Protein backbone atom coordinates (compact mmCIF):
# COMPACT_ATOMS: atom_id res chain seq x y z
CA MET A 1 -0.05 -0.25 0.09
CA TYR A 2 2.83 2.58 0.83
CA ARG A 3 4.51 1.74 -2.22
CA ASP A 4 1.10 1.91 -4.69
CA LYS A 5 -0.73 4.37 -3.37
CA TYR A 6 1.57 6.36 -0.74
CA PRO A 7 4.99 7.03 -2.00
CA ASP A 8 5.83 10.48 -1.35
CA PHE A 9 4.86 10.16 2.47
CA ASN A 10 6.97 9.90 4.96
CA VAL A 11 6.37 7.37 7.84
CA ARG A 12 4.20 9.55 10.12
CA HIS A 13 1.47 10.84 7.60
CA PHE A 14 1.65 7.22 5.94
CA TYR A 15 0.64 6.31 9.82
CA GLU A 16 -1.65 8.72 10.11
CA LYS A 17 -3.11 7.90 6.55
CA LEU A 18 -3.57 4.25 7.59
CA LYS A 19 -5.26 5.11 10.69
CA LYS A 20 -8.00 7.69 9.43
CA THR A 21 -8.32 6.94 5.79
CA GLU A 22 -7.71 3.13 5.18
CA GLY A 23 -9.09 2.26 8.74
CA ILE A 24 -6.23 -0.10 10.26
CA GLU A 25 -5.24 -0.14 13.89
CA LEU A 26 -1.39 -0.51 13.92
CA SER A 27 0.81 0.97 16.02
CA TYR A 28 3.42 3.68 14.83
CA SER A 29 6.27 1.38 15.96
CA TRP A 30 5.14 -1.44 13.82
CA VAL A 31 4.98 0.57 10.56
CA LYS A 32 8.07 2.86 10.73
CA GLN A 33 10.13 -1.01 11.40
CA THR A 34 8.15 -2.78 8.65
CA LEU A 35 8.43 -0.08 6.25
CA GLN A 36 12.62 0.15 7.04
CA GLY A 37 12.41 -3.69 7.03
CA ALA A 38 10.79 -3.57 3.73
CA GLY A 39 13.25 -1.07 2.71
CA LEU A 40 10.89 1.37 1.64
CA VAL A 41 11.82 3.82 4.07
CA ALA A 42 15.33 4.84 5.45
CA PRO A 43 16.06 4.46 9.15
CA GLN A 44 16.85 7.93 10.79
CA LYS A 45 20.12 8.26 12.71
CA ALA A 46 19.95 8.08 16.35
CA ARG A 47 19.76 11.78 17.56
CA THR A 48 22.60 12.93 19.94
CA ALA A 49 23.03 16.12 22.25
CA SER A 50 25.34 19.23 20.45
CA PRO A 51 28.69 19.97 22.28
CA ALA A 52 26.56 22.93 23.67
CA GLN A 53 23.60 20.84 25.29
CA ALA A 54 25.87 18.33 26.94
CA ALA A 55 28.40 20.77 28.62
CA SER A 56 24.60 22.45 29.46
CA THR A 57 23.00 19.85 30.82
CA HIS A 58 26.37 18.91 32.55
CA SER A 59 26.64 21.77 34.58
CA LEU A 60 23.42 21.98 36.12
CA PHE A 61 24.00 18.21 36.82
CA ALA A 62 26.83 19.51 38.45
CA ALA A 63 25.56 22.61 40.35
CA ALA A 64 22.34 20.49 42.05
CA HIS A 65 24.62 18.49 44.09
């Protein structure tokens, strides 16, 4: 269905379309993992804190102790 009907959708939009239009109730995680497993969407890289964010968090944490 993704390939034939909604090829330009990202995972979030496809998931929402499944629920609203197609009446299919699946979890977002399942839809995402299935599309990634089929090679239809690329896995996203893990988000990491920027050095400024990490330093900010660290100094706040250190100040609390």
